[in-house]
Amino acid sequence: MIAKIAYLSTPAPGRYMLNFQAFGSDELITIEIAKAHLVNILIDGTASALREEQYLSRVPSTQTKDAEHERAENA
């Protein structure tokens, strides 16, 4: 299942809700999750997003020798 929208909410202190809507459905599904689940979602999600960002930001260098020389002189 792929979510069309997904978000976390906290309706009261100590209550954590995972809300999502699947593609092709108009129904918003809400599931109460434990604090430990919330922590795992945040930690794993952050680590995954940072790994993906690091992978995507690696761009091959296209500088010429002249550009490298200019950069060395200006340093």
PDB file of N, CA and C in Angstrom:
ATOM      1  N   MET A   1       0.843  -1.169   0.000  1.00  0.00           N
ATOM      2  CA  MET A   1       0.000   0.000   0.000  1.00  0.00           C
ATOM      3  C   MET A   1       0.894   1.240   0.000  1.00  0.00           C
ATOM      4  N   ILE A   2       0.540   2.205  -0.825  1.00  0.00           N
ATOM      5  CA  ILE A   2       1.249   3.478  -0.875  1.00  0.00           C
ATOM      6  C   ILE A   2       0.304   4.547  -0.358  1.00  0.00           C
ATOM      7  N   ALA A   3       0.806   5.376   0.558  1.00  0.00           N
ATOM      8  CA  ALA A   3      -0.023   6.424   1.152  1.00  0.00           C
ATOM      9  C   ALA A   3      -0.062   7.653   0.257  1.00  0.00           C
ATOM     10  N   LYS A   4      -1.248   8.200   0.099  1.00  0.00           N
ATOM     11  CA  LYS A   4      -1.434   9.465  -0.605  1.00  0.00           C
ATOM     12  C   LYS A   4      -1.007  10.605   0.315  1.00  0.00           C
ATOM     13  N   ILE A   5      -1.299  10.454   1.605  1.00  0.00           N
ATOM     14  CA  ILE A   5      -0.910  11.413   2.632  1.00  0.00           C
ATOM     15  C   ILE A   5      -0.663  10.628   3.914  1.00  0.00           C
ATOM     16  N   ALA A   6       0.299  11.066   4.690  1.00  0.00           N
ATOM     17  CA  ALA A   6       0.579  10.435   5.985  1.00  0.00           C
ATOM     18  C   ALA A   6       1.142  11.492   6.913  1.00  0.00           C
ATOM     19  N   TYR A   7       0.680  11.469   8.163  1.00  0.00           N
ATOM     20  CA  TYR A   7       1.194  12.426   9.141  1.00  0.00           C
ATOM     21  C   TYR A   7       0.969  11.891  10.544  1.00  0.00           C
ATOM     22  N   LEU A   8       1.711  12.444  11.476  1.00  0.00           N
ATOM     23  CA  LEU A   8       1.597  12.083  12.880  1.00  0.00           C
ATOM     24  C   LEU A   8       0.840  13.184  13.603  1.00  0.00           C
ATOM     25  N   SER A   9       0.067  12.811  14.621  1.00  0.00           N
ATOM     26  CA  SER A   9      -0.618  13.812  15.437  1.00  0.00           C
ATOM     27  C   SER A   9      -0.614  13.353  16.893  1.00  0.00           C
ATOM     28  N   THR A  10      -0.839  14.315  17.785  1.00  0.00           N
ATOM     29  CA  THR A  10      -0.884  14.049  19.211  1.00  0.00           C
ATOM     30  C   THR A  10      -2.143  14.714  19.765  1.00  0.00           C
ATOM     31  N   PRO A  11      -3.257  13.980  19.856  1.00  0.00           N
ATOM     32  CA  PRO A  11      -4.506  14.583  20.310  1.00  0.00           C
ATOM     33  C   PRO A  11      -4.541  14.904  21.803  1.00  0.00           C
ATOM     34  N   ALA A  12      -3.669  14.253  22.576  1.00  0.00           N
ATOM     35  CA  ALA A  12      -3.601  14.481  24.020  1.00  0.00           C
ATOM     36  C   ALA A  12      -2.206  14.072  24.494  1.00  0.00           C
ATOM     37  N   PRO A  13      -1.788  14.588  25.630  1.00  0.00           N
ATOM     38  CA  PRO A  13      -0.467  14.198  26.140  1.00  0.00           C
ATOM     39  C   PRO A  13      -0.344  12.671  26.269  1.00  0.00           C
ATOM     40  N   GLY A  14       0.736  12.142  25.733  1.00  0.00           N
ATOM     41  CA  GLY A  14       0.984  10.703  25.815  1.00  0.00           C
ATOM     42  C   GLY A  14       0.237   9.858  24.797  1.00  0.00           C
ATOM     43  N   ARG A  15      -0.519  10.477  23.894  1.00  0.00           N
ATOM     44  CA  ARG A  15      -1.226   9.733  22.837  1.00  0.00           C
ATOM     45  C   ARG A  15      -0.649  10.139  21.498  1.00  0.00           C
ATOM     46  N   TYR A  16      -0.272   9.154  20.694  1.00  0.00           N
ATOM     47  CA  TYR A  16       0.372   9.395  19.412  1.00  0.00           C
ATOM     48  C   TYR A  16      -0.412   8.674  18.322  1.00  0.00           C
ATOM     49  N   MET A  17      -0.768   9.401  17.289  1.00  0.00           N
ATOM     50  CA  MET A  17      -1.599   8.860  16.227  1.00  0.00           C
ATOM     51  C   MET A  17      -0.861   8.921  14.890  1.00  0.00           C
ATOM     52  N   LEU A  18      -0.960   7.845  14.141  1.00  0.00           N
ATOM     53  CA  LEU A  18      -0.466   7.789  12.770  1.00  0.00           C
ATOM     54  C   LEU A  18      -1.689   7.873  11.872  1.00  0.00           C
ATOM     55  N   ASN A  19      -1.735   8.896  11.037  1.00  0.00           N
ATOM     56  CA  ASN A  19      -2.871   9.130  10.145  1.00  0.00           C
ATOM     57  C   ASN A  19      -2.404   8.963   8.701  1.00  0.00           C
ATOM     58  N   PHE A  20      -3.178   8.243   7.903  1.00  0.00           N
ATOM     59  CA  PHE A  20      -2.800   8.096   6.508  1.00  0.00           C
ATOM     60  C   PHE A  20      -4.015   7.841   5.633  1.00  0.00           C
ATOM     61  N   GLN A  21      -3.840   8.151   4.349  1.00  0.00           N
ATOM     62  CA  GLN A  21      -4.865   7.893   3.341  1.00  0.00           C
ATOM     63  C   GLN A  21      -4.176   7.183   2.184  1.00  0.00           C
ATOM     64  N   ALA A  22      -4.669   6.020   1.853  1.00  0.00           N
ATOM     65  CA  ALA A  22      -4.075   5.238   0.767  1.00  0.00           C
ATOM     66  C   ALA A  22      -4.494   5.808  -0.580  1.00  0.00           C
ATOM     67  N   PHE A  23      -3.618   5.671  -1.578  1.00  0.00           N
ATOM     68  CA  PHE A  23      -3.982   6.071  -2.937  1.00  0.00           C
ATOM     69  C   PHE A  23      -5.218   5.295  -3.368  1.00  0.00           C
ATOM     70  N   GLY A  24      -6.130   5.979  -4.026  1.00  0.00           N
ATOM     71  CA  GLY A  24      -7.344   5.349  -4.513  1.00  0.00           C
ATOM     72  C   GLY A  24      -8.452   5.259  -3.480  1.00  0.00           C
ATOM     73  N   SER A  25      -8.217   5.807  -2.286  1.00  0.00           N
ATOM     74  CA  SER A  25      -9.217   5.754  -1.234  1.00  0.00           C
ATOM     75  C   SER A  25      -9.495   7.158  -0.711  1.00  0.00           C
ATOM     76  N   ASP A  26     -10.721   7.401  -0.307  1.00  0.00           N
ATOM     77  CA  ASP A  26     -11.074   8.680   0.311  1.00  0.00           C
ATOM     78  C   ASP A  26     -11.063   8.582   1.833  1.00  0.00           C
ATOM     79  N   GLU A  27     -10.838   7.379   2.351  1.00  0.00           N
ATOM     80  CA  GLU A  27     -10.894   7.141   3.787  1.00  0.00           C
ATOM     81  C   GLU A  27      -9.567   7.512   4.464  1.00  0.00           C
ATOM     82  N   LEU A  28      -9.641   8.321   5.511  1.00  0.00           N
ATOM     83  CA  LEU A  28      -8.487   8.638   6.332  1.00  0.00           C
ATOM     84  C   LEU A  28      -8.444   7.630   7.474  1.00  0.00           C
ATOM     85  N   ILE A  29      -7.360   6.898   7.571  1.00  0.00           N
ATOM     86  CA  ILE A  29      -7.213   5.872   8.593  1.00  0.00           C
ATOM     87  C   ILE A  29      -6.337   6.433   9.710  1.00  0.00           C
ATOM     88  N   THR A  30      -6.779   6.262  10.938  1.00  0.00           N
ATOM     89  CA  THR A  30      -6.037   6.738  12.101  1.00  0.00           C
ATOM     90  C   THR A  30      -5.767   5.561  13.021  1.00  0.00           C
ATOM     91  N   ILE A  31      -4.494   5.401  13.389  1.00  0.00           N
ATOM     92  CA  ILE A  31      -4.073   4.301  14.260  1.00  0.00           C
ATOM     93  C   ILE A  31      -3.306   4.900  15.433  1.00  0.00           C
ATOM     94  N   GLU A  32      -3.675   4.507  16.648  1.00  0.00           N
ATOM     95  CA  GLU A  32      -2.904   4.956  17.805  1.00  0.00           C
ATOM     96  C   GLU A  32      -1.654   4.082  17.909  1.00  0.00           C
ATOM     97  N   ILE A  33      -0.522   4.726  18.113  1.00  0.00           N
ATOM     98  CA  ILE A  33       0.744   3.998  18.226  1.00  0.00           C
ATOM     99  C   ILE A  33       1.379   4.305  19.577  1.00  0.00           C
ATOM    100  N   ALA A  34       2.215   3.406  20.036  1.00  0.00           N
ATOM    101  CA  ALA A  34       2.929   3.593  21.296  1.00  0.00           C
ATOM    102  C   ALA A  34       4.075   4.591  21.099  1.00  0.00           C
ATOM    103  N   LYS A  35       4.505   5.182  22.191  1.00  0.00           N
ATOM    104  CA  LYS A  35       5.615   6.134  22.123  1.00  0.00           C
ATOM    105  C   LYS A  35       6.856   5.473  21.516  1.00  0.00           C
ATOM    106  N   ALA A  36       7.093   4.210  21.827  1.00  0.00           N
ATOM    107  CA  ALA A  36       8.245   3.494  21.261  1.00  0.00           C
ATOM    108  C   ALA A  36       8.149   3.406  19.739  1.00  0.00           C
ATOM    109  N   HIS A  37       6.931   3.213  19.221  1.00  0.00           N
ATOM    110  CA  HIS A  37       6.752   3.179  17.764  1.00  0.00           C
ATOM    111  C   HIS A  37       7.032   4.544  17.159  1.00  0.00           C
ATOM    112  N   LEU A  38       6.565   5.595  17.819  1.00  0.00           N
ATOM    113  CA  LEU A  38       6.814   6.955  17.349  1.00  0.00           C
ATOM    114  C   LEU A  38       8.321   7.228  17.291  1.00  0.00           C
ATOM    115  N   VAL A  39       9.022   6.846  18.328  1.00  0.00           N
ATOM    116  CA  VAL A  39      10.472   7.040  18.376  1.00  0.00           C
ATOM    117  C   VAL A  39      11.140   6.286  17.228  1.00  0.00           C
ATOM    118  N   ASN A  40      10.749   5.045  16.990  1.00  0.00           N
ATOM    119  CA  ASN A  40      11.334   4.265  15.889  1.00  0.00           C
ATOM    120  C   ASN A  40      11.052   4.899  14.538  1.00  0.00           C
ATOM    121  N   ILE A  41       9.828   5.402  14.339  1.00  0.00           N
ATOM    122  CA  ILE A  41       9.484   6.055  13.071  1.00  0.00           C
ATOM    123  C   ILE A  41      10.375   7.270  12.854  1.00  0.00           C
ATOM    124  N   LEU A  42      10.536   8.080  13.889  1.00  0.00           N
ATOM    125  CA  LEU A  42      11.345   9.294  13.761  1.00  0.00           C
ATOM    126  C   LEU A  42      12.821   8.990  13.524  1.00  0.00           C
ATOM    127  N   ILE A  43      13.375   8.069  14.294  1.00  0.00           N
ATOM    128  CA  ILE A  43      14.800   7.743  14.157  1.00  0.00           C
ATOM    129  C   ILE A  43      15.082   7.091  12.804  1.00  0.00           C
ATOM    130  N   ASP A  44      14.312   6.062  12.459  1.00  0.00           N
ATOM    131  CA  ASP A  44      14.540   5.373  11.192  1.00  0.00           C
ATOM    132  C   ASP A  44      14.247   6.272   9.998  1.00  0.00           C
ATOM    133  N   GLY A  45      13.194   7.071  10.098  1.00  0.00           N
ATOM    134  CA  GLY A  45      12.850   7.980   9.005  1.00  0.00           C
ATOM    135  C   GLY A  45      13.910   9.038   8.783  1.00  0.00           C
ATOM    136  N   THR A  46      14.426   9.597   9.868  1.00  0.00           N
ATOM    137  CA  THR A  46      15.476  10.610   9.755  1.00  0.00           C
ATOM    138  C   THR A  46      16.743  10.009   9.160  1.00  0.00           C
ATOM    139  N   ALA A  47      17.146   8.857   9.663  1.00  0.00           N
ATOM    140  CA  ALA A  47      18.349   8.209   9.139  1.00  0.00           C
ATOM    141  C   ALA A  47      18.193   7.875   7.658  1.00  0.00           C
ATOM    142  N   SER A  48      17.040   7.387   7.284  1.00  0.00           N
ATOM    143  CA  SER A  48      16.790   7.048   5.881  1.00  0.00           C
ATOM    144  C   SER A  48      16.819   8.292   5.000  1.00  0.00           C
ATOM    145  N   ALA A  49      16.179   9.358   5.447  1.00  0.00           N
ATOM    146  CA  ALA A  49      16.153  10.603   4.666  1.00  0.00           C
ATOM    147  C   ALA A  49      17.556  11.187   4.519  1.00  0.00           C
ATOM    148  N   LEU A  50      18.353  11.138   5.579  1.00  0.00           N
ATOM    149  CA  LEU A  50      19.710  11.675   5.502  1.00  0.00           C
ATOM    150  C   LEU A  50      20.590  10.836   4.587  1.00  0.00           C
ATOM    151  N   ARG A  51      20.438   9.520   4.632  1.00  0.00           N
ATOM    152  CA  ARG A  51      21.212   8.654   3.725  1.00  0.00           C
ATOM    153  C   ARG A  51      20.841   8.948   2.286  1.00  0.00           C
ATOM    154  N   GLU A  52      19.551   9.111   2.016  1.00  0.00           N
ATOM    155  CA  GLU A  52      19.092   9.395   0.659  1.00  0.00           C
ATOM    156  C   GLU A  52      19.603  10.755   0.201  1.00  0.00           C
ATOM    157  N   GLU A  53      19.544  11.763   1.075  1.00  0.00           N
ATOM    158  CA  GLU A  53      20.019  13.104   0.736  1.00  0.00           C
ATOM    159  C   GLU A  53      21.518  13.070   0.439  1.00  0.00           C
ATOM    160  N   GLN A  54      22.272  12.330   1.246  1.00  0.00           N
ATOM    161  CA  GLN A  54      23.714  12.225   1.029  1.00  0.00           C
ATOM    162  C   GLN A  54      23.987  11.568  -0.318  1.00  0.00           C
ATOM    163  N   TYR A  55      23.234  10.531  -0.642  1.00  0.00           N
ATOM    164  CA  TYR A  55      23.416   9.833  -1.914  1.00  0.00           C
ATOM    165  C   TYR A  55      23.069  10.750  -3.088  1.00  0.00           C
ATOM    166  N   LEU A  56      21.976  11.506  -2.960  1.00  0.00           N
ATOM    167  CA  LEU A  56      21.534  12.367  -4.053  1.00  0.00           C
ATOM    168  C   LEU A  56      22.432  13.579  -4.243  1.00  0.00           C
ATOM    169  N   SER A  57      23.117  14.024  -3.185  1.00  0.00           N
ATOM    170  CA  SER A  57      23.926  15.237  -3.296  1.00  0.00           C
ATOM    171  C   SER A  57      25.316  14.975  -3.862  1.00  0.00           C
ATOM    172  N   ARG A  58      25.651  13.734  -4.093  1.00  0.00           N
ATOM    173  CA  ARG A  58      26.959  13.427  -4.663  1.00  0.00           C
ATOM    174  C   ARG A  58      26.910  13.651  -6.168  1.00  0.00           C
ATOM    175  N   VAL A  59      27.521  14.748  -6.592  1.00  0.00           N
ATOM    176  CA  VAL A  59      27.525  15.117  -8.000  1.00  0.00           C
ATOM    177  C   VAL A  59      28.944  14.981  -8.514  1.00  0.00           C
ATOM    178  N   PRO A  60      29.136  14.319  -9.634  1.00  0.00           N
ATOM    179  CA  PRO A  60      30.489  14.179 -10.161  1.00  0.00           C
ATOM    180  C   PRO A  60      31.098  15.552 -10.458  1.00  0.00           C
ATOM    181  N   SER A  61      32.366  15.689 -10.173  1.00  0.00           N
ATOM    182  CA  SER A  61      33.069  16.946 -10.425  1.00  0.00           C
ATOM    183  C   SER A  61      33.237  17.153 -11.927  1.00  0.00           C
ATOM    184  N   THR A  62      32.921  18.365 -12.381  1.00  0.00           N
ATOM    185  CA  THR A  62      33.073  18.686 -13.802  1.00  0.00           C
ATOM    186  C   THR A  62      34.029  19.856 -13.986  1.00  0.00           C
ATOM    187  N   GLN A  63      34.806  20.157 -12.926  1.00  0.00           N
ATOM    188  CA  GLN A  63      35.730  21.284 -13.005  1.00  0.00           C
ATOM    189  C   GLN A  63      36.913  20.961 -13.907  1.00  0.00           C
ATOM    190  N   THR A  64      37.416  22.003 -14.560  1.00  0.00           N
ATOM    191  CA  THR A  64      38.606  21.853 -15.391  1.00  0.00           C
ATOM    192  C   THR A  64      39.828  22.148 -14.543  1.00  0.00           C
ATOM    193  N   LYS A  65      40.997  21.888 -15.070  1.00  0.00           N
ATOM    194  CA  LYS A  65      42.227  22.188 -14.336  1.00  0.00           C
ATOM    195  C   LYS A  65      42.354  23.680 -14.075  1.00  0.00           C
ATOM    196  N   ASP A  66      41.895  24.524 -15.012  1.00  0.00           N
ATOM    197  CA  ASP A  66      41.953  25.975 -14.809  1.00  0.00           C
ATOM    198  C   ASP A  66      41.097  26.397 -13.625  1.00  0.00           C
ATOM    199  N   ALA A  67      39.914  25.830 -13.501  1.00  0.00           N
ATOM    200  CA  ALA A  67      39.026  26.170 -12.391  1.00  0.00           C
ATOM    201  C   ALA A  67      39.628  25.734 -11.068  1.00  0.00           C
ATOM    202  N   GLU A  68      40.265  24.553 -11.048  1.00  0.00           N
ATOM    203  CA  GLU A  68      40.911  24.084  -9.826  1.00  0.00           C
ATOM    204  C   GLU A  68      42.072  25.008  -9.463  1.00  0.00           C
ATOM    205  N   HIS A  69      42.812  25.473 -10.445  1.00  0.00           N
ATOM    206  CA  HIS A  69      43.941  26.363 -10.227  1.00  0.00           C
ATOM    207  C   HIS A  69      43.443  27.695  -9.657  1.00  0.00           C
ATOM    208  N   GLU A  70      42.364  28.239 -10.227  1.00  0.00           N
ATOM    209  CA  GLU A  70      41.783  29.498  -9.742  1.00  0.00           C
ATOM    210  C   GLU A  70      41.357  29.354  -8.296  1.00  0.00           C
ATOM    211  N   ARG A  71      40.721  28.256  -7.959  1.00  0.00           N
ATOM    212  CA  ARG A  71      40.251  28.035  -6.597  1.00  0.00           C
ATOM    213  C   ARG A  71      41.431  27.976  -5.639  1.00  0.00           C
ATOM    214  N   ALA A  72      42.518  27.359  -6.025  1.00  0.00           N
ATOM    215  CA  ALA A  72      43.709  27.259  -5.172  1.00  0.00           C
ATOM    216  C   ALA A  72      44.331  28.628  -4.948  1.00  0.00           C
ATOM    217  N   GLU A  73      44.339  29.477  -5.966  1.00  0.00           N
ATOM    218  CA  GLU A  73      44.904  30.815  -5.826  1.00  0.00           C
ATOM    219  C   GLU A  73      44.057  31.703  -4.919  1.00  0.00           C
ATOM    220  N   ASN A  74      42.738  31.531  -4.949  1.00  0.00           N
ATOM    221  CA  ASN A  74      41.840  32.380  -4.170  1.00  0.00           C
ATOM    222  C   ASN A  74      41.712  31.906  -2.720  1.00  0.00           C
ATOM    223  N   ALA A  75      42.255  30.770  -2.395  1.00  0.00           N
ATOM    224  CA  ALA A  75      42.107  30.231  -1.030  1.00  0.00           C
ATOM    225  C   ALA A  75      43.009  30.930  -0.054  1.00  0.00           C
TER     226      ALA A  75
END
